[in-house]
Amino acid sequence: MDWEREELVPEHVFGTFAKANMLLPNLPSPLPVEWLKKLGVHDILGVVKVEEFDYFHTLIYQDEMNRLGLAGPPSSLTAGLAFGIPPIIKFGSKELQERWLPDLLLGKKRSCIAITEPEAGSDVANIQTTAVKSEDGKHYIINGTKKWITNGVWSDCTTMAVRTSGPGPAGLSLLIVPLKNYPGVSMRRLKVAGQISAGTTFIELDDVKVPVENLIGTEGMGMKYVMTNFNHERLYISIGVTRQARAALSAACEYVMKREAFGKVLIEQPVVRHRLAKAGALLETQWAWVEQFVYQMTKLKKEEADVELGGLTALCKAQAGIVLDECARCAVLLFGGNGFTRTGQGEIAERIYREVPGARIPGGSEDVLLDLAVRQLVKNYKNKTKEIERPKGSLKL
């Protein structure tokens, strides 16, 4: 709580986590076993071998990281590993990986993901930041802005979505762009409603010169690369947000069992129990759904999961934000005036409630994800229907 009040997680905390290899669980499962063993990492805390790590371990890790109920402190540590490094592992050339992965995986350097812009949030295909090759073809010259970039201000580099050719998704590419103290790059922290200690950042890029060797994969494939990490990103967010909802409701339960009004403790009031029951039902249903997704992610191949679960993980992430909104609002109302105060008994409820927009907007805003979920399900339905349709003229049983 002190870190969120001070709006900063002490720098040594990242180093402590990195030294214990406890940033690695943020990566998508399965972990990059070959790379980790090459770097001397064979297990997590001597308990789980890197080759045995799966999404149930991700579930436990992310749930525990968010146990306090505030997303700021854990997000200050995890965003780079969870979202910035995976495209390098999946699509980067061997030479690119050799240059960047050792320091990034071991936490010697910090990274982030830079996609969102002032005019392009959930509409990723509308990104305007340009990367034009220099006359000698040896560098990309980058110009533009990135906004709401978690961890940006502390990051040595970022995986950045840029426009290398014409409009639309086909013109997007991914580059590794150095950040801290790099010529042409300026960064400043943004004051947002919640998750303040996560270091939300505005990045300006003015003729930033980056070697062409920093291209991740192939030019024009940036949109595809971004999309492939969405299942992990949205499930990852769903786990943390659902834990936040539980923290809010837990704090409210504890409070109403000791707070007295009208001659008895609040929990003895039927209306209070009714409010807790409604929020609790939503919470437990959401958690069961998250666990179901985790189980499916351990059983399906990634290619299958991308198709079968893409729309559903979008829906799960959207629903997690809705559930958090209900549970946080329930907590604030039950805390009464204390829930409206930034200090004292209701501080946790007040802070969690301020973080609700941070759950419902990043990672794909709620309305966009709800629409995406249905469109994806309709698409899958049509494709599967075509697969089972009989060829014309075939005999019927």
Protein backbone atom coordinates (compact mmCIF):
# COMPACT_ATOMS: atom_id res chain seq x y z
CA MET A 1 0.00 0.00 0.00
CA ASP A 2 2.86 2.39 0.83
CA TRP A 3 4.31 1.97 -2.68
CA GLU A 4 1.02 2.98 -4.26
CA ARG A 5 0.72 5.95 -1.91
CA GLU A 6 4.25 7.01 -2.82
CA GLU A 7 3.48 6.31 -6.50
CA LEU A 8 6.70 4.34 -6.87
CA VAL A 9 7.93 0.80 -6.26
CA PRO A 10 11.53 0.86 -4.95
CA GLU A 11 14.00 0.05 -7.73
CA HIS A 12 15.58 -2.82 -5.80
CA VAL A 13 12.31 -4.79 -5.87
CA PHE A 14 12.63 -5.47 -9.60
CA GLY A 15 16.20 -6.64 -9.05
CA THR A 16 15.16 -8.91 -6.20
CA PHE A 17 12.48 -10.56 -8.34
CA ALA A 18 14.88 -10.87 -11.28
CA LYS A 19 17.60 -12.47 -9.16
CA ALA A 20 15.12 -15.11 -7.95
CA ASN A 21 13.86 -15.68 -11.54
CA MET A 22 10.42 -14.66 -10.31
CA LEU A 23 9.75 -12.41 -13.29
CA LEU A 24 9.83 -15.38 -15.68
CA PRO A 25 6.34 -16.65 -14.70
CA ASN A 26 4.94 -13.62 -16.53
CA LEU A 27 5.92 -15.16 -19.87
CA PRO A 28 3.37 -17.17 -21.87
CA SER A 29 3.39 -20.90 -21.29
CA PRO A 30 5.29 -22.96 -22.28
CA LEU A 31 8.36 -21.04 -21.20
CA PRO A 32 11.29 -20.64 -23.64
CA VAL A 33 13.03 -23.67 -22.16
CA GLU A 34 15.99 -23.75 -24.54
CA TRP A 35 16.84 -20.12 -23.89
CA LEU A 36 16.38 -20.36 -20.13
CA LYS A 37 18.61 -23.43 -19.81
CA LYS A 38 21.18 -21.71 -21.99
CA LEU A 39 21.16 -18.90 -19.42
CA GLY A 40 21.46 -21.34 -16.51
CA VAL A 41 17.82 -21.22 -15.41
CA HIS A 42 16.47 -24.73 -14.86
CA ASP A 43 13.64 -24.17 -12.41
CA ILE A 44 11.49 -21.59 -10.63
CA LEU A 45 12.43 -21.33 -6.93
CA GLY A 46 13.71 -24.93 -7.05
CA VAL A 47 10.11 -26.14 -7.19
CA VAL A 48 8.92 -26.14 -10.80
CA LYS A 49 11.18 -27.20 -13.65
CA VAL A 50 11.01 -24.70 -16.50
CA GLU A 51 9.85 -27.41 -18.92
CA GLU A 52 6.95 -28.32 -16.59
CA PHE A 53 5.66 -24.76 -16.15
CA ASP A 54 2.12 -24.32 -17.50
CA TYR A 55 -0.83 -21.93 -17.24
CA PHE A 56 -1.88 -23.22 -13.82
CA HIS A 57 1.42 -21.87 -12.52
CA THR A 58 0.64 -18.60 -14.31
CA LEU A 59 -2.73 -18.56 -12.55
CA ILE A 60 -1.18 -19.01 -9.10
CA TYR A 61 1.56 -16.45 -9.75
CA GLN A 62 -0.69 -13.72 -11.13
CA ASP A 63 -3.33 -14.31 -8.45
CA GLU A 64 -0.75 -13.97 -5.68
CA MET A 65 0.86 -10.90 -7.25
CA ASN A 66 -2.51 -9.14 -7.09
CA ARG A 67 -3.54 -10.37 -3.64
CA LEU A 68 -3.37 -6.88 -2.13
CA GLY A 69 -6.02 -5.76 -4.61
CA LEU A 70 -3.99 -2.97 -6.23
CA ALA A 71 -2.65 -3.48 -9.75
CA GLY A 72 0.01 -0.77 -9.64
CA PRO A 73 2.84 -2.48 -7.72
CA PRO A 74 2.70 -5.82 -9.58
CA SER A 75 2.25 -4.10 -12.95
CA SER A 76 5.40 -2.08 -12.29
CA LEU A 77 7.33 -5.36 -12.37
CA THR A 78 5.53 -7.57 -14.84
CA ALA A 79 4.48 -5.73 -18.01
CA GLY A 80 7.74 -6.18 -19.91
CA LEU A 81 8.01 -9.92 -19.37
CA ALA A 82 4.30 -10.51 -19.95
CA PHE A 83 3.78 -8.41 -23.06
CA GLY A 84 7.03 -6.95 -24.40
CA ILE A 85 9.35 -9.94 -24.61
CA PRO A 86 7.05 -12.67 -26.07
CA PRO A 87 7.13 -11.27 -29.66
CA ILE A 88 10.94 -11.35 -29.59
CA ILE A 89 10.89 -14.98 -28.44
CA LYS A 90 8.27 -16.04 -31.00
CA PHE A 91 9.26 -14.05 -34.07
CA GLY A 92 12.69 -12.48 -33.56
CA SER A 93 15.65 -13.61 -35.64
CA LYS A 94 18.38 -15.63 -33.97
CA GLU A 95 20.71 -12.62 -34.13
CA LEU A 96 18.09 -10.34 -32.56
CA GLN A 97 17.42 -12.81 -29.76
CA GLU A 98 21.13 -13.21 -29.07
CA ARG A 99 21.48 -9.44 -28.68
CA TRP A 100 18.48 -8.82 -26.45
CA LEU A 101 17.08 -11.90 -24.72
CA PRO A 102 19.89 -12.69 -22.23
CA ASP A 103 19.62 -9.32 -20.48
CA LEU A 104 15.83 -9.12 -20.79
CA LEU A 105 15.08 -12.62 -19.51
CA LEU A 106 17.46 -12.26 -16.57
CA GLY A 107 16.10 -8.83 -15.68
CA LYS A 108 19.36 -7.01 -16.32
CA LYS A 109 17.42 -4.72 -18.63
CA ARG A 110 13.78 -3.68 -18.44
CA SER A 111 11.31 -3.61 -21.30
CA CYS A 112 7.71 -2.77 -22.10
CA ILE A 113 5.21 -2.97 -24.96
CA ALA A 114 4.41 0.24 -26.86
CA ILE A 115 1.35 -0.05 -29.08
CA THR A 116 -1.23 2.49 -27.90
CA GLU A 117 -1.18 6.03 -29.26
CA PRO A 118 -3.24 9.16 -28.56
CA GLU A 119 -5.37 8.40 -31.65
CA ALA A 120 -5.09 4.60 -31.69
CA GLY A 121 -6.07 2.57 -28.65
CA SER A 122 -8.11 -0.56 -29.29
CA ASP A 123 -7.97 0.39 -32.99
CA VAL A 124 -4.46 -1.01 -33.41
CA ALA A 125 -4.65 -0.94 -37.22
CA ASN A 126 -4.83 2.87 -37.06
CA ILE A 127 -1.35 3.35 -35.57
CA GLN A 128 0.32 6.50 -36.93
CA THR A 129 3.89 6.31 -35.60
CA THR A 130 6.11 5.89 -38.66
CA ALA A 131 9.37 4.04 -39.23
CA VAL A 132 10.98 5.06 -42.53
CA LYS A 133 14.24 3.53 -43.75
CA SER A 134 17.22 5.84 -44.04
CA GLU A 135 18.74 6.51 -47.47
CA ASP A 136 21.48 3.95 -46.87
CA GLY A 137 18.90 1.37 -45.76
CA LYS A 138 20.72 0.70 -42.49
CA HIS A 139 18.30 2.35 -40.07
CA TYR A 140 14.66 3.07 -39.41
CA ILE A 141 13.89 6.69 -38.60
CA ILE A 142 10.95 6.72 -36.16
CA ASN A 143 8.59 9.62 -35.56
CA GLY A 144 5.41 9.70 -33.51
CA THR A 145 4.03 9.30 -30.02
CA LYS A 146 2.99 6.47 -27.72
CA LYS A 147 0.65 6.96 -24.79
CA TRP A 148 -0.44 5.01 -21.70
CA ILE A 149 2.66 2.78 -21.88
CA THR A 150 3.00 0.79 -18.66
CA ASN A 151 6.57 0.77 -17.25
CA GLY A 152 7.80 2.93 -20.14
CA VAL A 153 9.62 5.48 -18.00
CA TRP A 154 11.82 2.76 -16.46
CA SER A 155 12.38 0.68 -19.58
CA ASP A 156 15.68 0.30 -21.40
CA CYS A 157 13.83 -0.75 -24.54
CA THR A 158 10.38 -1.46 -25.88
CA THR A 159 8.71 -3.71 -28.40
CA MET A 160 7.01 -1.02 -30.48
CA ALA A 161 4.34 -1.18 -33.15
CA VAL A 162 5.18 1.20 -36.01
CA ARG A 163 3.97 1.91 -39.53
CA THR A 164 6.59 0.86 -42.08
CA SER A 165 4.35 1.11 -45.17
CA GLY A 166 0.80 2.03 -46.23
CA PRO A 167 -2.43 2.29 -44.20
CA GLY A 168 -4.21 -0.49 -42.38
CA PRO A 169 -2.92 -3.60 -40.60
CA ALA A 170 -0.67 -4.68 -43.48
CA GLY A 171 1.48 -1.60 -42.97
CA LEU A 172 2.44 -2.39 -39.37
CA SER A 173 5.69 -3.87 -38.10
CA LEU A 174 7.33 -4.47 -34.72
CA LEU A 175 10.69 -3.01 -33.74
CA ILE A 176 12.84 -3.11 -30.64
CA VAL A 177 13.37 0.55 -29.81
CA PRO A 178 15.84 1.68 -27.12
CA LEU A 179 14.28 4.16 -24.69
CA LYS A 180 16.20 5.41 -21.64
CA ASN A 181 18.70 8.13 -22.55
CA TYR A 182 18.39 7.29 -26.25
CA PRO A 183 18.69 10.16 -28.78
CA GLY A 184 15.34 11.46 -29.95
CA VAL A 185 13.33 9.72 -27.22
CA SER A 186 11.62 11.74 -24.49
CA MET A 187 9.38 10.24 -21.81
CA ARG A 188 7.22 11.56 -19.02
CA ARG A 189 4.91 9.91 -16.53
CA LEU A 190 1.18 10.30 -16.86
CA LYS A 191 -1.01 10.83 -13.81
CA VAL A 192 -3.83 8.30 -14.16
CA ALA A 193 -6.68 7.53 -11.76
CA GLY A 194 -5.33 4.22 -10.48
CA GLN A 195 -2.34 1.88 -10.87
CA ILE A 196 -0.19 4.96 -10.37
CA SER A 197 2.94 3.07 -9.29
CA ALA A 198 2.89 1.12 -12.60
CA GLY A 199 4.60 4.07 -14.29
CA THR A 200 2.15 4.90 -17.08
CA THR A 201 4.19 6.84 -19.65
CA PHE A 202 3.89 9.20 -22.61
CA ILE A 203 6.67 8.65 -25.18
CA GLU A 204 7.67 11.10 -27.89
CA LEU A 205 9.87 9.93 -30.78
CA ASP A 206 11.65 12.57 -32.84
CA ASP A 207 13.82 11.17 -35.65
CA VAL A 208 14.79 8.19 -33.51
CA LYS A 209 17.41 6.16 -35.38
CA VAL A 210 17.14 2.39 -34.91
CA PRO A 211 19.17 -0.29 -36.75
CA VAL A 212 17.15 -2.30 -39.29
CA GLU A 213 18.38 -5.39 -37.45
CA ASN A 214 15.98 -4.43 -34.64
CA LEU A 215 13.03 -5.48 -36.80
CA ILE A 216 11.09 -8.32 -35.16
CA GLY A 217 10.26 -10.91 -37.80
CA THR A 218 9.09 -9.56 -41.14
CA GLU A 219 7.94 -6.12 -42.22
CA GLY A 220 4.18 -5.85 -42.48
CA MET A 221 3.50 -8.67 -40.01
CA GLY A 222 3.23 -6.49 -36.93
CA MET A 223 -0.54 -6.77 -36.59
CA LYS A 224 -0.38 -10.56 -36.71
CA TYR A 225 2.42 -10.63 -34.14
CA VAL A 226 0.46 -8.38 -31.78
CA MET A 227 -2.67 -10.51 -32.14
CA THR A 228 -0.89 -13.77 -31.28
CA ASN A 229 -0.19 -12.60 -27.72
CA PHE A 230 -3.75 -11.47 -27.01
CA ASN A 231 -4.93 -14.77 -25.49
CA HIS A 232 -2.10 -14.62 -22.98
CA GLU A 233 -2.53 -10.91 -22.32
CA ARG A 234 -6.29 -11.05 -21.79
CA LEU A 235 -6.26 -14.18 -19.65
CA TYR A 236 -3.38 -12.71 -17.65
CA ILE A 237 -5.39 -9.52 -17.05
CA SER A 238 -8.52 -11.52 -16.20
CA ILE A 239 -6.71 -13.40 -13.44
CA GLY A 240 -5.38 -10.24 -11.80
CA VAL A 241 -8.62 -8.29 -12.12
CA THR A 242 -10.66 -11.14 -10.65
CA ARG A 243 -8.33 -11.20 -7.66
CA GLN A 244 -8.81 -7.45 -7.26
CA ALA A 245 -12.56 -8.01 -7.15
CA ARG A 246 -12.09 -10.61 -4.43
CA ALA A 247 -9.87 -8.25 -2.43
CA ALA A 248 -12.53 -5.54 -2.59
CA LEU A 249 -15.32 -7.85 -1.49
CA SER A 250 -13.16 -9.43 1.22
CA ALA A 251 -12.38 -6.01 2.71
CA ALA A 252 -16.07 -5.12 2.65
CA CYS A 253 -17.04 -8.39 4.36
CA GLU A 254 -14.51 -7.83 7.11
CA TYR A 255 -15.75 -4.27 7.63
CA VAL A 256 -19.48 -5.03 7.82
CA MET A 257 -18.84 -7.76 10.39
CA LYS A 258 -17.50 -5.18 12.86
CA ARG A 259 -19.16 -1.90 11.89
CA GLU A 260 -22.25 -1.13 13.96
CA ALA A 261 -25.24 0.96 12.87
CA PHE A 262 -28.84 1.11 14.03
CA GLY A 263 -27.98 -0.93 17.10
CA LYS A 264 -26.33 -3.93 15.40
CA VAL A 265 -23.44 -4.87 13.13
CA LEU A 266 -24.08 -4.23 9.45
CA ILE A 267 -23.86 -7.90 8.47
CA GLU A 268 -27.10 -8.47 10.38
CA GLN A 269 -28.93 -6.17 7.99
CA PRO A 270 -30.65 -8.20 5.21
CA VAL A 271 -29.95 -5.51 2.61
CA VAL A 272 -26.21 -5.76 3.31
CA ARG A 273 -26.22 -9.55 2.97
CA HIS A 274 -28.22 -9.24 -0.25
CA ARG A 275 -25.68 -6.83 -1.75
CA LEU A 276 -22.79 -9.11 -0.79
CA ALA A 277 -24.58 -12.16 -2.20
CA LYS A 278 -25.13 -10.56 -5.61
CA ALA A 279 -21.54 -9.41 -5.94
CA GLY A 280 -20.22 -12.71 -4.56
CA ALA A 281 -22.18 -14.75 -7.08
CA LEU A 282 -20.68 -12.75 -9.94
CA LEU A 283 -17.20 -13.10 -8.46
CA GLU A 284 -17.30 -16.86 -7.96
CA THR A 285 -18.76 -17.41 -11.43
CA GLN A 286 -16.00 -15.30 -12.98
CA TRP A 287 -13.28 -17.18 -11.08
CA ALA A 288 -14.66 -20.53 -12.20
CA TRP A 289 -14.61 -19.26 -15.80
CA VAL A 290 -11.00 -18.10 -15.45
CA GLU A 291 -9.99 -21.52 -14.12
CA GLN A 292 -11.80 -23.16 -17.03
CA PHE A 293 -9.81 -21.06 -19.49
CA VAL A 294 -6.56 -21.94 -17.74
CA TYR A 295 -7.41 -25.64 -18.03
CA GLN A 296 -8.19 -25.25 -21.73
CA MET A 297 -4.92 -23.38 -22.32
CA THR A 298 -3.03 -26.35 -20.86
CA LYS A 299 -4.82 -28.82 -23.13
CA LEU A 300 -5.07 -27.03 -26.49
CA LYS A 301 -2.20 -26.38 -28.86
CA LYS A 302 -1.53 -22.67 -29.28
CA GLU A 303 -2.86 -22.68 -32.84
CA GLU A 304 -6.10 -24.28 -31.66
CA ALA A 305 -6.39 -21.98 -28.64
CA ASP A 306 -5.95 -18.87 -30.80
CA VAL A 307 -8.97 -19.92 -32.88
CA GLU A 308 -11.19 -21.56 -30.27
CA LEU A 309 -10.49 -19.24 -27.35
CA GLY A 310 -9.64 -15.92 -29.01
CA GLY A 311 -13.17 -14.51 -28.80
CA LEU A 312 -13.86 -16.12 -25.45
CA THR A 313 -10.75 -14.75 -23.75
CA ALA A 314 -11.79 -11.31 -25.01
CA LEU A 315 -15.19 -11.90 -23.40
CA CYS A 316 -13.59 -13.17 -20.20
CA LYS A 317 -11.39 -10.08 -19.93
CA ALA A 318 -14.38 -7.80 -20.53
CA GLN A 319 -16.45 -9.67 -17.95
CA ALA A 320 -13.63 -9.48 -15.41
CA GLY A 321 -13.81 -5.69 -15.61
CA ILE A 322 -17.59 -5.75 -15.21
CA VAL A 323 -17.31 -7.99 -12.15
CA LEU A 324 -14.62 -5.78 -10.64
CA ASP A 325 -16.86 -2.76 -11.15
CA GLU A 326 -19.72 -4.47 -9.29
CA CYS A 327 -17.54 -5.74 -6.43
CA ALA A 328 -15.62 -2.49 -6.01
CA ARG A 329 -18.84 -0.45 -6.04
CA CYS A 330 -20.36 -2.84 -3.51
CA ALA A 331 -17.32 -2.39 -1.26
CA VAL A 332 -17.40 1.41 -1.46
CA LEU A 333 -21.12 1.51 -0.64
CA LEU A 334 -20.74 -0.83 2.31
CA PHE A 335 -17.81 1.17 3.65
CA GLY A 336 -20.00 4.26 3.40
CA GLY A 337 -18.12 7.50 4.04
CA ASN A 338 -14.94 5.52 4.70
CA GLY A 339 -15.15 4.11 1.18
CA PHE A 340 -15.17 7.65 -0.17
CA THR A 341 -12.02 8.60 1.74
CA ARG A 342 -8.47 8.13 0.48
CA THR A 343 -7.11 7.28 3.93
CA GLY A 344 -8.25 5.17 6.86
CA GLN A 345 -10.37 2.04 7.02
CA GLY A 346 -11.86 2.35 3.55
CA GLU A 347 -8.66 3.27 1.70
CA ILE A 348 -8.37 -0.10 -0.05
CA ALA A 349 -11.96 0.07 -1.35
CA GLU A 350 -11.51 3.64 -2.56
CA ARG A 351 -8.27 2.79 -4.35
CA ILE A 352 -9.63 -0.35 -5.99
CA TYR A 353 -12.67 1.55 -7.22
CA ARG A 354 -10.38 4.11 -8.89
CA GLU A 355 -8.64 1.22 -10.68
CA VAL A 356 -11.83 -0.09 -12.32
CA PRO A 357 -11.32 1.93 -15.55
CA GLY A 358 -7.78 0.53 -15.71
CA ALA A 359 -9.32 -2.94 -15.90
CA ARG A 360 -12.05 -2.11 -18.40
CA ILE A 361 -10.00 -0.09 -20.92
CA PRO A 362 -6.41 -1.42 -21.39
CA GLY A 363 -5.89 -4.71 -23.19
CA GLY A 364 -8.83 -3.86 -25.46
CA SER A 365 -11.65 -1.66 -24.20
CA GLU A 366 -14.76 -3.40 -22.96
CA ASP A 367 -17.15 -2.56 -25.81
CA VAL A 368 -14.58 -3.51 -28.44
CA LEU A 369 -13.94 -6.86 -26.76
CA LEU A 370 -17.64 -7.66 -26.35
CA ASP A 371 -18.16 -7.04 -30.06
CA LEU A 372 -15.01 -8.98 -30.98
CA ALA A 373 -16.13 -11.97 -28.92
CA VAL A 374 -19.44 -12.32 -30.76
CA ARG A 375 -17.88 -11.73 -34.18
CA GLN A 376 -15.26 -14.40 -33.50
CA LEU A 377 -17.86 -16.89 -32.30
CA VAL A 378 -20.00 -16.27 -35.39
CA LYS A 379 -16.95 -16.73 -37.60
CA ASN A 380 -16.08 -20.03 -35.90
CA TYR A 381 -19.69 -21.19 -36.18
CA LYS A 382 -19.79 -20.49 -39.92
CA ASN A 383 -16.46 -22.22 -40.52
CA LYS A 384 -17.48 -25.32 -38.60
CA THR A 385 -20.86 -25.41 -40.30
CA LYS A 386 -19.15 -25.45 -43.70
CA GLU A 387 -16.95 -28.33 -42.55
CA ILE A 388 -19.93 -30.56 -41.77
CA GLU A 389 -22.12 -29.59 -44.73
CA ARG A 390 -22.64 -32.41 -47.19
CA PRO A 391 -21.37 -31.93 -50.75
CA LYS A 392 -24.18 -31.15 -53.16
CA GLY A 393 -25.75 -34.29 -54.62
CA SER A 394 -24.61 -36.53 -51.80
CA LEU A 395 -27.01 -39.16 -50.50
CA LYS A 396 -28.93 -38.54 -47.32
CA LEU A 397 -29.37 -41.25 -44.73
